[in-house]
Amino acid sequence: MTLDVRLLFCHLICLASLCQAANAETLLRWRFTEGDSWLITVDQHTTTATSGAGKPSEVDVAMQMRLSWGINSVDSEGTAQITQKIERFAVAMKSGAAEPIKYASDSDFKPSGSAASIAAAVSPVIGAEFTVTMTNRGVIREVNLSEAAVEAFSAIESPGLKNLFSAEGVRQLFSQAAVELPEAAVVTGSNWTASSATASPLGTLKHDRTYTVAANEVVDGKTLERIELSGDLAVESSEQTAGKSKLVDQALSGKMLFDTEAGRLVTCQSTQAFTTERPYREFKIKVVTTAETKMTISPQ
């Protein structure tokens, strides 16, 4: 059989073109347009199982927060001034055989008991506005609370809710949607890292995350950049936390879908699991926490 050199040459050219297309560089950037508005929905499901002394217990918490983004202005470098407003907050908690606690800020039913306490803390912050300055790489430069937001947030008595609705809590929440994108263009297999630190009862939580560009994913006929997430969690103890709970195991995984054509994150979902232990008399109390978080961003 005679080998057609010209045909072989054509095949090689086609193969090279396919490889080049598969590894085409993509610059990941937010694309803000003045006047645009987006809706961000954050759903988080957390389970906490405790064992080691007495009867094992489990707490199940489902939370949803809905926020709106309004793009006020965009400078020549693509940095945007964004007004964010808390539109809705809902939570459902269940612990053992106790009556579940449910609250939703847009419910027509009047809350009672523990739900009423949550309503008293949360109601003032619904509709509260704050302004965020964010670059087209997702770097958050500044978070400013409006006077009404400062007043509403300062009135919250619950430590957990107060932290969630503080300026730092807002910044951390924003960071989930505004993960810092790499400066250089990426191809399949590219990765970059990001680190953050958060105060907690355990001490300072240090998060080291790795983002890896995977094969594209088609959703509703649209090709999106798929970015895999992995990471490590470490605890830096202080004098106040020394000798208390310690982190003994952890795992983080997830993925993001980024629309390069629209210039925005479409969805981000992650699962963070960690186990802590602390001494109690002759026992060792073990707490296993798993938090599944999903965030979606859509135009309004």
Protein backbone atom coordinates (compact mmCIF):
# COMPACT_ATOMS: atom_id res chain seq x y z
CA MET A 1 0.00 0.00 0.00
CA THR A 2 1.38 3.41 -0.99
CA LEU A 3 1.53 6.06 1.73
CA ASP A 4 0.13 9.41 0.58
CA VAL A 5 2.57 11.91 2.09
CA ARG A 6 0.31 14.83 1.33
CA LEU A 7 -2.61 13.17 3.16
CA LEU A 8 -0.36 12.40 6.14
CA PHE A 9 0.83 16.00 6.19
CA CYS A 10 -2.78 17.22 6.22
CA HIS A 11 -3.59 14.90 9.14
CA LEU A 12 -0.62 16.24 11.10
CA ILE A 13 -1.72 19.84 10.48
CA CYS A 14 -5.27 19.02 11.62
CA LEU A 15 -3.96 17.25 14.73
CA ALA A 16 -1.73 20.20 15.60
CA SER A 17 -4.67 22.57 15.16
CA LEU A 18 -6.86 20.48 17.43
CA CYS A 19 -4.19 20.38 20.12
CA GLN A 20 -3.74 24.13 19.87
CA ALA A 21 -7.50 24.70 20.14
CA ALA A 22 -7.78 22.36 23.12
CA ASN A 23 -5.03 24.28 24.88
CA ALA A 24 -6.06 27.78 23.79
CA GLU A 25 -5.22 30.38 26.40
CA THR A 26 -8.13 32.01 28.22
CA LEU A 27 -7.94 35.22 30.23
CA LEU A 28 -10.33 34.96 33.18
CA ARG A 29 -11.79 38.39 33.89
CA TRP A 30 -14.99 39.84 35.29
CA ARG A 31 -16.72 42.11 32.79
CA PHE A 32 -18.72 44.81 34.56
CA THR A 33 -21.14 47.16 32.83
CA GLU A 34 -22.56 50.20 34.58
CA GLY A 35 -26.24 49.74 35.29
CA ASP A 36 -26.17 45.92 35.28
CA SER A 37 -27.78 44.07 38.19
CA TRP A 38 -27.19 40.48 39.30
CA LEU A 39 -28.80 38.18 41.84
CA ILE A 40 -26.57 36.06 44.08
CA THR A 41 -28.01 33.10 45.97
CA VAL A 42 -25.94 31.30 48.60
CA ASP A 43 -27.19 27.97 49.96
CA GLN A 44 -25.32 26.25 52.75
CA HIS A 45 -26.12 22.94 54.46
CA THR A 46 -24.08 22.15 57.58
CA THR A 47 -24.16 19.05 59.75
CA THR A 48 -22.31 18.80 63.04
CA ALA A 49 -22.03 15.41 64.78
CA THR A 50 -20.68 15.25 68.34
CA SER A 51 -19.62 12.08 70.17
CA GLY A 52 -17.36 10.96 72.98
CA ALA A 53 -19.31 11.60 76.19
CA GLY A 54 -22.94 10.71 76.69
CA LYS A 55 -25.34 10.20 73.82
CA PRO A 56 -24.06 11.26 70.37
CA SER A 57 -25.83 14.30 68.98
CA GLU A 58 -26.24 15.92 65.58
CA VAL A 59 -27.22 19.41 64.51
CA ASP A 60 -28.46 20.08 61.00
CA VAL A 61 -28.55 23.66 59.66
CA ALA A 62 -29.74 24.78 56.22
CA MET A 63 -29.24 28.46 55.40
CA GLN A 64 -29.99 30.57 52.36
CA MET A 65 -29.00 34.15 51.70
CA ARG A 66 -30.07 36.08 48.64
CA LEU A 67 -28.30 39.28 47.67
CA SER A 68 -28.52 41.73 44.81
CA TRP A 69 -25.60 43.42 43.08
CA GLY A 70 -25.96 46.72 41.30
CA ILE A 71 -23.01 47.96 39.23
CA ASN A 72 -22.76 51.69 40.00
CA SER A 73 -19.68 52.56 37.98
CA VAL A 74 -16.71 51.00 36.19
CA ASP A 75 -13.35 52.73 35.71
CA SER A 76 -10.97 52.46 32.76
CA GLU A 77 -9.18 49.46 34.33
CA GLY A 78 -12.39 47.48 34.81
CA THR A 79 -12.69 48.07 38.57
CA ALA A 80 -16.32 48.36 39.66
CA GLN A 81 -18.20 50.07 42.45
CA ILE A 82 -20.93 47.62 43.43
CA THR A 83 -23.88 48.19 45.73
CA GLN A 84 -24.89 44.98 47.45
CA LYS A 85 -28.18 44.53 49.26
CA ILE A 86 -29.38 41.66 51.45
CA GLU A 87 -32.73 40.65 49.93
CA ARG A 88 -33.58 37.47 51.83
CA PHE A 89 -32.33 35.34 54.71
CA ALA A 90 -33.72 31.93 55.66
CA VAL A 91 -32.56 29.26 58.08
CA ALA A 92 -33.82 25.87 59.26
CA MET A 93 -32.20 24.14 62.24
CA LYS A 94 -32.83 20.69 63.68
CA SER A 95 -31.18 19.08 66.68
CA GLY A 96 -32.18 15.60 67.80
CA ALA A 97 -35.81 15.23 68.80
CA ALA A 98 -36.27 18.93 69.46
CA GLU A 99 -38.78 20.91 67.43
CA PRO A 100 -37.11 22.28 64.29
CA ILE A 101 -36.46 26.02 64.13
CA LYS A 102 -37.44 27.69 60.87
CA TYR A 103 -37.26 31.31 59.80
CA ALA A 104 -37.51 33.12 56.47
CA SER A 105 -37.40 36.89 56.19
CA ASP A 106 -40.03 36.90 53.41
CA SER A 107 -42.49 34.55 55.15
CA ASP A 108 -46.01 35.77 55.94
CA PHE A 109 -46.08 33.70 59.13
CA LYS A 110 -45.18 35.43 62.37
CA PRO A 111 -42.19 33.64 63.97
CA SER A 112 -42.27 32.45 67.56
CA GLY A 113 -39.83 31.06 70.11
CA SER A 114 -36.24 30.80 68.86
CA ALA A 115 -37.34 31.80 65.35
CA ALA A 116 -38.62 35.08 66.77
CA SER A 117 -35.17 35.77 68.24
CA ILE A 118 -33.57 35.17 64.85
CA ALA A 119 -36.16 37.46 63.23
CA ALA A 120 -35.42 40.23 65.72
CA ALA A 121 -31.72 40.04 64.86
CA VAL A 122 -32.04 39.61 61.10
CA SER A 123 -35.02 41.81 60.19
CA PRO A 124 -33.12 45.12 60.51
CA VAL A 125 -30.42 44.00 58.04
CA ILE A 126 -32.82 42.93 55.27
CA GLY A 127 -32.54 45.65 52.66
CA ALA A 128 -29.32 47.01 54.19
CA GLU A 129 -26.90 48.27 51.55
CA PHE A 130 -23.11 48.37 51.39
CA THR A 131 -20.69 49.32 48.66
CA VAL A 132 -17.85 47.09 47.48
CA THR A 133 -14.94 48.02 45.24
CA MET A 134 -13.84 45.03 43.16
CA THR A 135 -11.32 44.71 40.33
CA ASN A 136 -11.90 42.70 37.17
CA ARG A 137 -9.70 39.98 38.72
CA GLY A 138 -12.05 39.68 41.67
CA VAL A 139 -9.78 41.47 44.15
CA ILE A 140 -11.87 43.18 46.82
CA ARG A 141 -10.27 46.51 47.62
CA GLU A 142 -12.83 48.02 49.95
CA VAL A 143 -16.13 47.33 51.73
CA ASN A 144 -18.16 50.30 52.99
CA LEU A 145 -21.34 49.90 55.01
CA SER A 146 -24.08 52.49 54.69
CA GLU A 147 -25.07 54.34 57.88
CA ALA A 148 -28.29 52.31 57.99
CA ALA A 149 -26.31 49.07 57.61
CA VAL A 150 -23.87 50.02 60.39
CA GLU A 151 -26.76 50.78 62.71
CA ALA A 152 -28.58 47.57 61.80
CA PHE A 153 -25.50 45.35 62.11
CA SER A 154 -24.44 46.85 65.44
CA ALA A 155 -27.85 46.03 66.94
CA ILE A 156 -27.39 42.28 66.37
CA GLU A 157 -26.80 40.45 69.66
CA SER A 158 -26.14 36.90 68.42
CA PRO A 159 -22.33 36.45 68.06
CA GLY A 160 -22.74 34.12 65.07
CA LEU A 161 -25.11 36.42 63.19
CA LYS A 162 -23.12 39.49 64.20
CA ASN A 163 -20.00 37.99 62.64
CA LEU A 164 -21.92 36.96 59.49
CA PHE A 165 -23.30 40.47 58.96
CA SER A 166 -20.16 42.40 59.96
CA ALA A 167 -17.98 44.24 57.41
CA GLU A 168 -15.50 41.34 57.55
CA GLY A 169 -18.31 38.82 57.23
CA VAL A 170 -19.55 40.69 54.16
CA ARG A 171 -16.02 40.67 52.73
CA GLN A 172 -15.70 36.91 53.25
CA LEU A 173 -19.12 36.31 51.71
CA PHE A 174 -18.16 38.48 48.75
CA SER A 175 -14.90 36.54 48.40
CA GLN A 176 -16.85 33.38 47.63
CA ALA A 177 -18.22 35.04 44.50
CA ALA A 178 -15.12 37.07 43.80
CA VAL A 179 -12.35 34.51 43.98
CA GLU A 180 -9.10 36.21 42.97
CA LEU A 181 -8.42 35.25 39.37
CA PRO A 182 -4.88 34.73 38.03
CA GLU A 183 -3.08 37.57 36.29
CA ALA A 184 -1.97 35.47 33.33
CA ALA A 185 -4.12 33.64 30.81
CA VAL A 186 -4.77 29.97 31.57
CA VAL A 187 -5.06 26.68 29.69
CA THR A 188 -6.43 23.30 30.73
CA GLY A 189 -4.25 22.08 33.59
CA SER A 190 -3.21 25.56 34.74
CA ASN A 191 -3.53 26.23 38.46
CA TRP A 192 -3.13 29.05 40.93
CA THR A 193 -3.37 29.35 44.70
CA ALA A 194 -4.99 31.67 47.23
CA SER A 195 -4.70 31.96 51.00
CA SER A 196 -6.89 33.53 53.67
CA ALA A 197 -7.16 33.66 57.45
CA THR A 198 -10.26 33.74 59.64
CA ALA A 199 -10.64 34.11 63.39
CA SER A 200 -12.57 31.29 65.12
CA PRO A 201 -13.02 29.71 68.57
CA LEU A 202 -10.34 27.19 67.56
CA GLY A 203 -7.85 29.93 66.76
CA THR A 204 -6.92 31.48 63.43
CA LEU A 205 -8.13 29.31 60.56
CA LYS A 206 -5.70 29.40 57.64
CA HIS A 207 -7.16 28.35 54.31
CA ASP A 208 -4.87 27.43 51.41
CA ARG A 209 -6.82 26.79 48.21
CA THR A 210 -5.70 25.52 44.82
CA TYR A 211 -7.70 26.25 41.67
CA THR A 212 -7.09 24.02 38.63
CA VAL A 213 -8.52 24.63 35.16
CA ALA A 214 -10.26 21.46 33.96
CA ALA A 215 -11.97 20.55 30.70
CA ASN A 216 -14.80 22.86 29.64
CA GLU A 217 -18.33 22.00 30.73
CA VAL A 218 -21.44 22.61 28.63
CA VAL A 219 -24.47 23.83 30.58
CA ASP A 220 -27.74 24.64 28.79
CA GLY A 221 -25.88 24.75 25.49
CA LYS A 222 -23.25 27.17 26.77
CA THR A 223 -19.57 26.29 27.11
CA LEU A 224 -18.18 27.32 30.50
CA GLU A 225 -14.72 27.19 32.04
CA ARG A 226 -14.66 24.50 34.73
CA ILE A 227 -12.28 25.16 37.61
CA GLU A 228 -11.65 22.48 40.23
CA LEU A 229 -11.11 23.49 43.84
CA SER A 230 -9.05 21.73 46.51
CA GLY A 231 -7.43 22.95 49.67
CA ASP A 232 -6.02 22.57 53.14
CA LEU A 233 -7.14 23.99 56.45
CA ALA A 234 -4.74 24.62 59.34
CA VAL A 235 -5.30 26.15 62.78
CA GLU A 236 -2.95 28.56 64.48
CA SER A 237 -3.69 28.45 68.20
CA SER A 238 -3.44 31.43 70.51
CA GLU A 239 -3.03 31.70 74.28
CA GLN A 240 -6.82 31.87 74.56
CA THR A 241 -7.38 28.71 72.49
CA ALA A 242 -4.39 26.63 73.61
CA GLY A 243 -5.42 23.35 75.23
CA LYS A 244 -8.94 23.48 73.83
CA SER A 245 -10.25 21.88 70.64
CA LYS A 246 -7.70 20.90 68.01
CA LEU A 247 -8.11 20.11 64.34
CA VAL A 248 -7.38 16.45 63.59
CA ASP A 249 -8.67 16.03 60.03
CA GLN A 250 -9.95 18.15 57.14
CA ALA A 251 -10.82 18.03 53.45
CA LEU A 252 -11.98 20.55 50.86
CA SER A 253 -13.21 19.97 47.32
CA GLY A 254 -15.42 21.74 44.83
CA LYS A 255 -15.76 23.34 41.44
CA MET A 256 -16.55 26.67 39.80
CA LEU A 257 -18.05 27.42 36.41
CA PHE A 258 -16.96 30.70 34.79
CA ASP A 259 -18.59 32.28 31.74
CA THR A 260 -15.76 33.99 29.86
CA GLU A 261 -18.17 35.44 27.30
CA ALA A 262 -20.38 37.09 29.92
CA GLY A 263 -17.40 37.84 32.16
CA ARG A 264 -18.74 36.46 35.43
CA LEU A 265 -18.85 33.45 37.70
CA VAL A 266 -21.94 31.31 37.09
CA THR A 267 -21.79 28.94 40.03
CA CYS A 268 -19.44 27.79 42.77
CA GLN A 269 -19.98 24.75 44.95
CA SER A 270 -17.77 23.26 47.62
CA THR A 271 -17.72 20.71 50.41
CA GLN A 272 -15.61 21.44 53.49
CA ALA A 273 -15.28 18.74 56.15
CA PHE A 274 -13.23 18.92 59.32
CA THR A 275 -12.92 17.03 62.58
CA THR A 276 -11.94 18.48 65.93
CA GLU A 277 -11.21 16.90 69.30
CA ARG A 278 -11.05 18.28 72.82
CA PRO A 279 -10.50 16.68 76.23
CA TYR A 280 -13.35 16.51 78.72
CA ARG A 281 -12.59 14.74 82.01
CA GLU A 282 -11.61 11.20 81.02
CA PHE A 283 -13.30 11.55 77.63
CA LYS A 284 -12.29 12.93 74.27
CA ILE A 285 -15.06 14.89 72.58
CA LYS A 286 -15.05 14.48 68.82
CA VAL A 287 -16.90 16.89 66.54
CA VAL A 288 -17.29 16.22 62.81
CA THR A 289 -18.56 19.13 60.73
CA THR A 290 -19.47 19.04 57.06
CA ALA A 291 -20.52 22.17 55.18
CA GLU A 292 -21.83 22.04 51.62
CA THR A 293 -22.08 25.44 49.97
CA LYS A 294 -23.46 26.39 46.58
CA MET A 295 -23.57 29.89 45.15
CA THR A 296 -25.18 30.94 41.90
CA ILE A 297 -25.03 34.28 40.08
CA SER A 298 -27.60 35.27 37.48
CA PRO A 299 -28.60 38.51 35.74
CA GLN A 300 -31.70 40.26 37.08
